[in-house]
């Protein structure tokens, strides 16, 4: 695959590295959000 066919200009390796970091960051953010929701739920249940 040539670099000219990429919309971002990233090489295949760089794109894979970026995707890996993006997925890890998303999962970390989701974990923090879940913990925050559980803490708020234990403080003041909303249902």
PDB file of N, CA and C in Angstrom:
ATOM      1  N   UNK A   1       0.852  -1.184   0.000  1.00  0.00           N
ATOM      2  CA  UNK A   1       0.000   0.000   0.000  1.00  0.00           C
ATOM      3  C   UNK A   1       0.891   1.238   0.000  1.00  0.00           C
ATOM      4  N   UNK A   2       0.643   2.130  -0.912  1.00  0.00           N
ATOM      5  CA  UNK A   2       1.483   3.325  -1.003  1.00  0.00           C
ATOM      6  C   UNK A   2       0.920   4.429  -0.122  1.00  0.00           C
ATOM      7  N   UNK A   3       1.808   5.330   0.301  1.00  0.00           N
ATOM      8  CA  UNK A   3       1.399   6.433   1.168  1.00  0.00           C
ATOM      9  C   UNK A   3       0.469   7.408   0.457  1.00  0.00           C
ATOM     10  N   UNK A   4       0.549   7.475  -0.872  1.00  0.00           N
ATOM     11  CA  UNK A   4      -0.269   8.437  -1.597  1.00  0.00           C
ATOM     12  C   UNK A   4      -1.749   8.077  -1.563  1.00  0.00           C
ATOM     13  N   UNK A   5      -2.095   6.816  -1.268  1.00  0.00           N
ATOM     14  CA  UNK A   5      -3.501   6.425  -1.220  1.00  0.00           C
ATOM     15  C   UNK A   5      -4.122   6.697   0.151  1.00  0.00           C
ATOM     16  N   UNK A   6      -3.308   7.082   1.136  1.00  0.00           N
ATOM     17  CA  UNK A   6      -3.807   7.362   2.474  1.00  0.00           C
ATOM     18  C   UNK A   6      -4.358   8.778   2.544  1.00  0.00           C
ATOM     19  N   UNK A   7      -5.515   8.928   3.167  1.00  0.00           N
ATOM     20  CA  UNK A   7      -6.107  10.262   3.323  1.00  0.00           C
ATOM     21  C   UNK A   7      -5.334  11.106   4.321  1.00  0.00           C
ATOM     22  N   UNK A   8      -4.727  10.458   5.327  1.00  0.00           N
ATOM     23  CA  UNK A   8      -4.032  11.198   6.374  1.00  0.00           C
ATOM     24  C   UNK A   8      -2.557  11.385   6.094  1.00  0.00           C
ATOM     25  N   UNK A   9      -2.002  10.594   5.202  1.00  0.00           N
ATOM     26  CA  UNK A   9      -0.574  10.658   4.938  1.00  0.00           C
ATOM     27  C   UNK A   9       0.248   9.824   5.901  1.00  0.00           C
ATOM     28  N   UNK A  10      -0.417   9.099   6.804  1.00  0.00           N
ATOM     29  CA  UNK A  10       0.304   8.245   7.749  1.00  0.00           C
ATOM     30  C   UNK A  10       0.699   6.944   7.073  1.00  0.00           C
ATOM     31  N   UNK A  11       1.838   6.435   7.469  1.00  0.00           N
ATOM     32  CA  UNK A  11       2.228   5.113   6.997  1.00  0.00           C
ATOM     33  C   UNK A  11       1.372   4.070   7.702  1.00  0.00           C
ATOM     34  N   UNK A  12       1.405   2.851   7.224  1.00  0.00           N
ATOM     35  CA  UNK A  12       0.611   1.785   7.828  1.00  0.00           C
ATOM     36  C   UNK A  12       1.009   1.580   9.292  1.00  0.00           C
ATOM     37  N   UNK A  13       2.303   1.584   9.578  1.00  0.00           N
ATOM     38  CA  UNK A  13       2.765   1.394  10.952  1.00  0.00           C
ATOM     39  C   UNK A  13       2.340   2.532  11.864  1.00  0.00           C
ATOM     40  N   UNK A  14       2.445   3.764  11.367  1.00  0.00           N
ATOM     41  CA  UNK A  14       2.044   4.922  12.166  1.00  0.00           C
ATOM     42  C   UNK A  14       0.540   4.914  12.421  1.00  0.00           C
ATOM     43  N   UNK A  15      -0.230   4.503  11.425  1.00  0.00           N
ATOM     44  CA  UNK A  15      -1.680   4.441  11.588  1.00  0.00           C
ATOM     45  C   UNK A  15      -2.052   3.382  12.626  1.00  0.00           C
ATOM     46  N   UNK A  16      -1.367   2.248  12.598  1.00  0.00           N
ATOM     47  CA  UNK A  16      -1.641   1.203  13.591  1.00  0.00           C
ATOM     48  C   UNK A  16      -1.279   1.682  15.004  1.00  0.00           C
ATOM     49  N   UNK A  17      -0.161   2.381  15.129  1.00  0.00           N
ATOM     50  CA  UNK A  17       0.256   2.904  16.431  1.00  0.00           C
ATOM     51  C   UNK A  17      -0.747   3.935  16.947  1.00  0.00           C
ATOM     52  N   UNK A  18      -1.194   4.821  16.076  1.00  0.00           N
ATOM     53  CA  UNK A  18      -2.182   5.826  16.461  1.00  0.00           C
ATOM     54  C   UNK A  18      -3.486   5.154  16.882  1.00  0.00           C
ATOM     55  N   UNK A  19      -3.925   4.169  16.122  1.00  0.00           N
ATOM     56  CA  UNK A  19      -5.166   3.468  16.451  1.00  0.00           C
ATOM     57  C   UNK A  19      -5.056   2.778  17.795  1.00  0.00           C
ATOM     58  N   UNK A  20      -3.921   2.150  18.072  1.00  0.00           N
ATOM     59  CA  UNK A  20      -3.715   1.473  19.350  1.00  0.00           C
ATOM     60  C   UNK A  20      -3.811   2.468  20.503  1.00  0.00           C
ATOM     61  N   UNK A  21      -3.167   3.610  20.366  1.00  0.00           N
ATOM     62  CA  UNK A  21      -3.218   4.636  21.405  1.00  0.00           C
ATOM     63  C   UNK A  21      -4.636   5.181  21.562  1.00  0.00           C
ATOM     64  N   UNK A  22      -5.325   5.376  20.452  1.00  0.00           N
ATOM     65  CA  UNK A  22      -6.695   5.886  20.482  1.00  0.00           C
ATOM     66  C   UNK A  22      -7.609   4.916  21.224  1.00  0.00           C
ATOM     67  N   UNK A  23      -7.510   3.626  20.929  1.00  0.00           N
ATOM     68  CA  UNK A  23      -8.357   2.626  21.580  1.00  0.00           C
ATOM     69  C   UNK A  23      -8.052   2.562  23.072  1.00  0.00           C
ATOM     70  N   UNK A  24      -6.773   2.582  23.449  1.00  0.00           N
ATOM     71  CA  UNK A  24      -6.413   2.544  24.870  1.00  0.00           C
ATOM     72  C   UNK A  24      -6.939   3.782  25.597  1.00  0.00           C
ATOM     73  N   UNK A  25      -6.838   4.939  24.978  1.00  0.00           N
ATOM     74  CA  UNK A  25      -7.341   6.173  25.590  1.00  0.00           C
ATOM     75  C   UNK A  25      -8.858   6.119  25.748  1.00  0.00           C
ATOM     76  N   UNK A  26      -9.559   5.618  24.739  1.00  0.00           N
ATOM     77  CA  UNK A  26     -11.009   5.502  24.804  1.00  0.00           C
ATOM     78  C   UNK A  26     -11.426   4.552  25.921  1.00  0.00           C
ATOM     79  N   UNK A  27     -10.753   3.419  26.035  1.00  0.00           N
ATOM     80  CA  UNK A  27     -11.088   2.463  27.090  1.00  0.00           C
ATOM     81  C   UNK A  27     -10.797   3.037  28.472  1.00  0.00           C
ATOM     82  N   UNK A  28      -9.696   3.786  28.611  1.00  0.00           N
ATOM     83  CA  UNK A  28      -9.383   4.431  29.882  1.00  0.00           C
ATOM     84  C   UNK A  28     -10.432   5.460  30.262  1.00  0.00           C
ATOM     85  N   UNK A  29     -10.842   6.276  29.304  1.00  0.00           N
ATOM     86  CA  UNK A  29     -11.878   7.277  29.557  1.00  0.00           C
ATOM     87  C   UNK A  29     -13.183   6.607  29.960  1.00  0.00           C
ATOM     88  N   UNK A  30     -13.542   5.527  29.256  1.00  0.00           N
ATOM     89  CA  UNK A  30     -14.778   4.801  29.562  1.00  0.00           C
ATOM     90  C   UNK A  30     -14.724   4.208  30.963  1.00  0.00           C
ATOM     91  N   UNK A  31     -13.582   3.652  31.354  1.00  0.00           N
ATOM     92  CA  UNK A  31     -13.432   3.080  32.695  1.00  0.00           C
ATOM     93  C   UNK A  31     -13.601   4.161  33.761  1.00  0.00           C
ATOM     94  N   UNK A  32     -13.002   5.320  33.561  1.00  0.00           N
ATOM     95  CA  UNK A  32     -13.141   6.421  34.522  1.00  0.00           C
ATOM     96  C   UNK A  32     -14.602   6.867  34.602  1.00  0.00           C
ATOM     97  N   UNK A  33     -15.276   6.948  33.464  1.00  0.00           N
ATOM     98  CA  UNK A  33     -16.681   7.357  33.450  1.00  0.00           C
ATOM     99  C   UNK A  33     -17.560   6.342  34.189  1.00  0.00           C
ATOM    100  N   UNK A  34     -17.297   5.059  33.995  1.00  0.00           N
ATOM    101  CA  UNK A  34     -18.078   4.018  34.677  1.00  0.00           C
ATOM    102  C   UNK A  34     -17.871   4.112  36.187  1.00  0.00           C
ATOM    103  N   UNK A  35     -16.628   4.268  36.617  1.00  0.00           N
ATOM    104  CA  UNK A  35     -16.342   4.385  38.048  1.00  0.00           C
ATOM    105  C   UNK A  35     -17.024   5.630  38.614  1.00  0.00           C
ATOM    106  N   UNK A  36     -16.965   6.735  37.904  1.00  0.00           N
ATOM    107  CA  UNK A  36     -17.613   7.963  38.377  1.00  0.00           C
ATOM    108  C   UNK A  36     -19.119   7.765  38.497  1.00  0.00           C
ATOM    109  N   UNK A  37     -19.728   7.112  37.526  1.00  0.00           N
ATOM    110  CA  UNK A  37     -21.161   6.865  37.595  1.00  0.00           C
ATOM    111  C   UNK A  37     -21.509   5.949  38.769  1.00  0.00           C
ATOM    112  N   UNK A  38     -20.703   4.934  39.000  1.00  0.00           N
ATOM    113  CA  UNK A  38     -20.960   4.035  40.135  1.00  0.00           C
ATOM    114  C   UNK A  38     -20.839   4.772  41.470  1.00  0.00           C
ATOM    115  N   UNK A  39     -19.860   5.654  41.583  1.00  0.00           N
ATOM    116  CA  UNK A  39     -19.706   6.421  42.818  1.00  0.00           C
ATOM    117  C   UNK A  39     -20.884   7.362  43.046  1.00  0.00           C
ATOM    118  N   UNK A  40     -21.322   8.027  41.986  1.00  0.00           N
ATOM    119  CA  UNK A  40     -22.481   8.918  42.119  1.00  0.00           C
ATOM    120  C   UNK A  40     -23.732   8.100  42.428  1.00  0.00           C
ATOM    121  N   UNK A  41     -23.872   6.939  41.779  1.00  0.00           N
ATOM    122  CA  UNK A  41     -25.032   6.074  42.046  1.00  0.00           C
ATOM    123  C   UNK A  41     -25.062   5.641  43.515  1.00  0.00           C
ATOM    124  N   UNK A  42     -23.891   5.310  44.064  1.00  0.00           N
ATOM    125  CA  UNK A  42     -23.861   4.883  45.468  1.00  0.00           C
ATOM    126  C   UNK A  42     -24.164   6.050  46.406  1.00  0.00           C
ATOM    127  N   UNK A  43     -23.885   7.271  45.973  1.00  0.00           N
ATOM    128  CA  UNK A  43     -24.151   8.458  46.782  1.00  0.00           C
ATOM    129  C   UNK A  43     -25.626   8.851  46.693  1.00  0.00           C
ATOM    130  N   UNK A  44     -26.143   8.978  45.463  1.00  0.00           N
ATOM    131  CA  UNK A  44     -27.538   9.370  45.229  1.00  0.00           C
ATOM    132  C   UNK A  44     -28.104   8.604  44.038  1.00  0.00           C
ATOM    133  N   UNK A  45     -28.746   7.486  44.286  1.00  0.00           N
ATOM    134  CA  UNK A  45     -29.322   6.714  43.177  1.00  0.00           C
ATOM    135  C   UNK A  45     -30.372   7.531  42.419  1.00  0.00           C
ATOM    136  N   UNK A  46     -30.372   7.438  41.124  1.00  0.00           N
ATOM    137  CA  UNK A  46     -31.286   8.244  40.331  1.00  0.00           C
ATOM    138  C   UNK A  46     -32.455   7.436  39.783  1.00  0.00           C
ATOM    139  N   UNK A  47     -32.519   6.156  40.080  1.00  0.00           N
ATOM    140  CA  UNK A  47     -33.681   5.361  39.648  1.00  0.00           C
ATOM    141  C   UNK A  47     -34.403   4.824  40.851  1.00  0.00           C
TER     142      UNK A  47
END
